[in-house]
Amino acid sequence: MLRSKSESTLRCSLVIPTKNGGPLFKAAIGALENQTYWVQTEFIVIDSGSSDNTVEIARNAGAKIVEIPPESFNHGATRDLGISIASCELVVLMVQDAIAQGTNLLETILRQFDDPEVAGVYARQVPQPDADLITQRNLNNWLTGRLEREVRKMESLEWYEALSPIEKYFFCNFDNVCSAIRKSVWQEQKFGDVAFGEDIDWAERVLKKGWRIVFEPEAAVVHSHNRPMLYEYKRTYVCHRKLYQQFGLRLVPTLRGIYRSWLFSTLKDMKYIGAQAAPIACKATLIAKIPFLNFLSAIAQYRAARDEATGNQCTVTGV
């Protein structure tokens, strides 16, 4: 439902990059229109070549729409474009398939900026009801699935540099599936031309400048995927290439490590699946899939760090 919005009463701008959002985008818009702050939210969509009704849905929800060529999409630069258009100091960033849980998502996120030292806030992610057992477990146990609020501020650059690669990664975690930032901070630290992982890249830079990052679990979105194995391989590859580039993180450093990683994760997953109360058919399908998925994941992690370390260029599309 389209409601009139006055710039004088706006509390935030909301930026969503889109392409063929489908039914989930329609559901996401429906959840946003029920937000307590929706009438005070400027809505901006950067669409990169949708061929379905995504643009129409956004326009009906009152969005300012900017259309860009599909080949020009970049996780960092495209978000920078949306933020540059935003009228408000506080800018919420979401993805097209993240569905707000409850009616106070925006209100809860924006409340965190009452602390003038906070540069960014990110929300909890809840798996879709139809997510498989492993996806549910992984998301609920990950940094974005926690139930405890966390405020991070760097003690000193010396303290940070003494951390291990994995500790640096966890400390700088930030997620643009659903986040919010101060535009004034962004003007000094833009996301930039970053093909993947623009959120953790930005978070590390602002933390080094002395700002705070907040994880707020009371703000939550429903967001998970059941993706083809080839997509999961490509996503794991680009993710771990970024992690090696930024933090020097290398979880599968050797060829032998591929086997060890595969065996450990597969045995762990099989045991977990077997212990769950779920339909036999669902468990059997997942058990058949897991060994192949874990093998591809281990190879992707190994290749990603190796290629980044050696400077081997590898173009990955569709992620």
Foldseek 3Di string as FASTA:
>chain_A
DEDAADQVQADEEEEEEDAQLPPLLLQQLVQLVLAPRNSNYAYEYEYADHPDCNVVSCVVHVYDYHYDHNVPDAPFVSVVVRLVPIPDQKYKFAYSRWHWDDRHLVVVQSVVCVPVQAFKEFEAEAEDPPDAPVQRVVSCPDPSNDPDKDKAADPAPVVLVPDALVVNCSRLDDDRNIMMGGSVVCVVPGLPRHRPDSRSVSSVVSSNVGGMYIYHHVTYIYDDDDDDLVVLLLVLLVVLLVSCVPRVDQQQADPVSLVVQLVVVLVVVLVVLVPDPDDPVSSVVCNVCSSVSSSSNSVSSNVSNVCSVVVPDDDDPDD
